[in-house]
Amino acid sequence: MKGVSSKAMYTLIFFMGIGMGYWTVFVTIAAEGFGTNLRATAATTVPSFARGFLVPITAIFTGLTKPNMLSPNGSALILTILCYGGAYLALWRMEETYGKDLDYLEIQLTES
């Protein structure tokens, strides 16, 4: 980034920090929803699901932008509403963990 002003560089660093902070909170919230025996698995698997979901999102976007369908802006708007709607729905339905003892184990029910 030769020749970039310090203001532009600090702006870039600021937005990179917001992205990293979002990712950290995302992984932490995902891990806290599981017992102690599954937290590490959740913390490593959930980001992979998030990255892997790019494939169906891209497929939906290209499917919506085919000829005689929607414009790229319309397709992006529909996907934005779906993705953010799903995120807000998940956030609304998420159980509050404040003050809850998170040191628990999931039990596996076996047939006797």
C-alpha atoms as a PDB file:
ATOM      1  CA  MET A   1       0.000   0.000   0.000  1.00  0.00           C
ATOM      2  CA  LYS A   2       2.612   2.480  -1.091  1.00  0.00           C
ATOM      3  CA  GLY A   3       1.585   6.099  -1.042  1.00  0.00           C
ATOM      4  CA  VAL A   4      -1.501   5.603   1.121  1.00  0.00           C
ATOM      5  CA  SER A   5      -2.165   8.341   3.641  1.00  0.00           C
ATOM      6  CA  SER A   6      -2.067   7.575   7.324  1.00  0.00           C
ATOM      7  CA  LYS A   7      -5.773   8.443   7.595  1.00  0.00           C
ATOM      8  CA  ALA A   8      -6.661   5.810   4.966  1.00  0.00           C
ATOM      9  CA  MET A   9      -4.417   3.268   6.665  1.00  0.00           C
ATOM     10  CA  TYR A  10      -5.991   3.845  10.083  1.00  0.00           C
ATOM     11  CA  THR A  11      -9.468   3.647   8.522  1.00  0.00           C
ATOM     12  CA  LEU A  12      -8.558   0.290   6.995  1.00  0.00           C
ATOM     13  CA  ILE A  13      -7.184  -0.958  10.314  1.00  0.00           C
ATOM     14  CA  PHE A  14     -10.371   0.210  12.068  1.00  0.00           C
ATOM     15  CA  PHE A  15     -12.632  -1.766   9.729  1.00  0.00           C
ATOM     16  CA  MET A  16     -10.383  -4.831   9.945  1.00  0.00           C
ATOM     17  CA  GLY A  17     -10.668  -4.609  13.741  1.00  0.00           C
ATOM     18  CA  ILE A  18     -14.461  -4.506  13.543  1.00  0.00           C
ATOM     19  CA  GLY A  19     -14.427  -7.619  11.347  1.00  0.00           C
ATOM     20  CA  MET A  20     -12.129  -9.504  13.696  1.00  0.00           C
ATOM     21  CA  GLY A  21     -14.144  -8.464  16.735  1.00  0.00           C
ATOM     22  CA  TYR A  22     -17.321  -9.691  15.052  1.00  0.00           C
ATOM     23  CA  TRP A  23     -15.704 -13.041  14.264  1.00  0.00           C
ATOM     24  CA  THR A  24     -14.439 -13.422  17.838  1.00  0.00           C
ATOM     25  CA  VAL A  25     -17.878 -12.734  19.335  1.00  0.00           C
ATOM     26  CA  PHE A  26     -19.460 -15.075  16.766  1.00  0.00           C
ATOM     27  CA  VAL A  27     -17.194 -17.989  17.761  1.00  0.00           C
ATOM     28  CA  THR A  28     -17.547 -17.265  21.487  1.00  0.00           C
ATOM     29  CA  ILE A  29     -21.346 -17.201  21.356  1.00  0.00           C
ATOM     30  CA  ALA A  30     -21.371 -20.429  19.363  1.00  0.00           C
ATOM     31  CA  ALA A  31     -19.077 -22.175  21.847  1.00  0.00           C
ATOM     32  CA  GLU A  32     -21.026 -21.004  24.912  1.00  0.00           C
ATOM     33  CA  GLY A  33     -24.138 -22.764  23.713  1.00  0.00           C
ATOM     34  CA  PHE A  34     -22.567 -26.162  24.336  1.00  0.00           C
ATOM     35  CA  GLY A  35     -21.341 -28.023  27.369  1.00  0.00           C
ATOM     36  CA  THR A  36     -17.700 -28.213  28.324  1.00  0.00           C
ATOM     37  CA  ASN A  37     -17.150 -31.440  26.415  1.00  0.00           C
ATOM     38  CA  LEU A  38     -18.251 -29.912  23.089  1.00  0.00           C
ATOM     39  CA  ARG A  39     -17.068 -26.298  23.275  1.00  0.00           C
ATOM     40  CA  ALA A  40     -13.824 -26.809  21.397  1.00  0.00           C
ATOM     41  CA  THR A  41     -15.612 -28.758  18.691  1.00  0.00           C
ATOM     42  CA  ALA A  42     -18.262 -26.048  18.332  1.00  0.00           C
ATOM     43  CA  ALA A  43     -15.665 -23.263  18.290  1.00  0.00           C
ATOM     44  CA  THR A  44     -13.836 -24.914  15.399  1.00  0.00           C
ATOM     45  CA  THR A  45     -16.837 -26.251  13.473  1.00  0.00           C
ATOM     46  CA  VAL A  46     -19.187 -23.262  13.465  1.00  0.00           C
ATOM     47  CA  PRO A  47     -16.805 -20.992  11.489  1.00  0.00           C
ATOM     48  CA  SER A  48     -16.401 -23.782   8.929  1.00  0.00           C
ATOM     49  CA  PHE A  49     -20.177 -23.939   8.527  1.00  0.00           C
ATOM     50  CA  ALA A  50     -20.270 -20.162   8.102  1.00  0.00           C
ATOM     51  CA  ARG A  51     -17.581 -20.268   5.406  1.00  0.00           C
ATOM     52  CA  GLY A  52     -19.143 -23.315   3.764  1.00  0.00           C
ATOM     53  CA  PHE A  53     -22.516 -21.595   3.543  1.00  0.00           C
ATOM     54  CA  LEU A  54     -21.025 -19.300   0.909  1.00  0.00           C
ATOM     55  CA  VAL A  55     -21.549 -22.080  -1.660  1.00  0.00           C
ATOM     56  CA  PRO A  56     -25.371 -22.213  -1.382  1.00  0.00           C
ATOM     57  CA  ILE A  57     -25.565 -18.425  -1.085  1.00  0.00           C
ATOM     58  CA  THR A  58     -23.595 -18.065  -4.322  1.00  0.00           C
ATOM     59  CA  ALA A  59     -25.755 -20.699  -6.020  1.00  0.00           C
ATOM     60  CA  ILE A  60     -28.932 -18.873  -4.996  1.00  0.00           C
ATOM     61  CA  PHE A  61     -27.497 -15.559  -6.184  1.00  0.00           C
ATOM     62  CA  THR A  62     -26.534 -16.939  -9.592  1.00  0.00           C
ATOM     63  CA  GLY A  63     -29.903 -18.682  -9.858  1.00  0.00           C
ATOM     64  CA  LEU A  64     -31.751 -15.442  -9.183  1.00  0.00           C
ATOM     65  CA  THR A  65     -29.686 -13.425 -11.673  1.00  0.00           C
ATOM     66  CA  LYS A  66     -30.285 -15.682 -14.653  1.00  0.00           C
ATOM     67  CA  PRO A  67     -31.847 -14.038 -17.731  1.00  0.00           C
ATOM     68  CA  ASN A  68     -35.497 -13.061 -17.281  1.00  0.00           C
ATOM     69  CA  MET A  69     -35.083 -13.161 -13.500  1.00  0.00           C
ATOM     70  CA  LEU A  70     -33.862 -10.417 -11.153  1.00  0.00           C
ATOM     71  CA  SER A  71     -31.062  -7.911 -11.523  1.00  0.00           C
ATOM     72  CA  PRO A  72     -27.890  -8.488  -9.486  1.00  0.00           C
ATOM     73  CA  ASN A  73     -28.993  -5.720  -7.108  1.00  0.00           C
ATOM     74  CA  GLY A  74     -32.397  -7.337  -6.622  1.00  0.00           C
ATOM     75  CA  SER A  75     -30.819 -10.732  -6.023  1.00  0.00           C
ATOM     76  CA  ALA A  76     -28.406  -9.235  -3.512  1.00  0.00           C
ATOM     77  CA  LEU A  77     -31.280  -7.507  -1.730  1.00  0.00           C
ATOM     78  CA  ILE A  78     -33.251 -10.757  -1.430  1.00  0.00           C
ATOM     79  CA  LEU A  79     -30.207 -12.630  -0.125  1.00  0.00           C
ATOM     80  CA  THR A  80     -29.433  -9.822   2.324  1.00  0.00           C
ATOM     81  CA  ILE A  81     -32.964  -9.974   3.703  1.00  0.00           C
ATOM     82  CA  LEU A  82     -32.797 -13.790   3.982  1.00  0.00           C
ATOM     83  CA  CYS A  83     -29.354 -13.904   5.620  1.00  0.00           C
ATOM     84  CA  TYR A  84     -29.947 -11.037   8.042  1.00  0.00           C
ATOM     85  CA  GLY A  85     -33.460 -12.317   8.768  1.00  0.00           C
ATOM     86  CA  GLY A  86     -32.056 -15.725   9.643  1.00  0.00           C
ATOM     87  CA  ALA A  87     -29.379 -14.148  11.826  1.00  0.00           C
ATOM     88  CA  TYR A  88     -31.879 -11.997  13.703  1.00  0.00           C
ATOM     89  CA  LEU A  89     -34.222 -14.965  14.132  1.00  0.00           C
ATOM     90  CA  ALA A  90     -31.372 -17.045  15.578  1.00  0.00           C
ATOM     91  CA  LEU A  91     -30.356 -14.190  17.871  1.00  0.00           C
ATOM     92  CA  TRP A  92     -33.949 -13.722  19.043  1.00  0.00           C
ATOM     93  CA  ARG A  93     -34.370 -17.448  19.805  1.00  0.00           C
ATOM     94  CA  MET A  94     -30.953 -17.839  21.481  1.00  0.00           C
ATOM     95  CA  GLU A  95     -31.034 -18.675  25.170  1.00  0.00           C
ATOM     96  CA  GLU A  96     -29.456 -16.123  27.511  1.00  0.00           C
ATOM     97  CA  THR A  97     -26.364 -17.471  29.282  1.00  0.00           C
ATOM     98  CA  TYR A  98     -25.755 -14.577  31.675  1.00  0.00           C
ATOM     99  CA  GLY A  99     -25.613 -15.923  35.209  1.00  0.00           C
ATOM    100  CA  LYS A 100     -26.018 -19.499  34.014  1.00  0.00           C
ATOM    101  CA  ASP A 101     -23.533 -22.163  35.079  1.00  0.00           C
ATOM    102  CA  LEU A 102     -21.918 -23.158  31.800  1.00  0.00           C
ATOM    103  CA  ASP A 103     -19.940 -26.020  33.294  1.00  0.00           C
ATOM    104  CA  TYR A 104     -22.203 -28.833  32.180  1.00  0.00           C
ATOM    105  CA  LEU A 105     -21.934 -31.912  30.020  1.00  0.00           C
ATOM    106  CA  GLU A 106     -24.349 -33.148  27.413  1.00  0.00           C
ATOM    107  CA  ILE A 107     -25.566 -36.623  28.231  1.00  0.00           C
ATOM    108  CA  GLN A 108     -26.111 -39.304  25.682  1.00  0.00           C
ATOM    109  CA  LEU A 109     -29.240 -41.325  26.182  1.00  0.00           C
ATOM    110  CA  THR A 110     -28.655 -44.991  25.509  1.00  0.00           C
ATOM    111  CA  GLU A 111     -31.247 -47.620  24.929  1.00  0.00           C
ATOM    112  CA  SER A 112     -31.378 -50.259  27.661  1.00  0.00           C
END
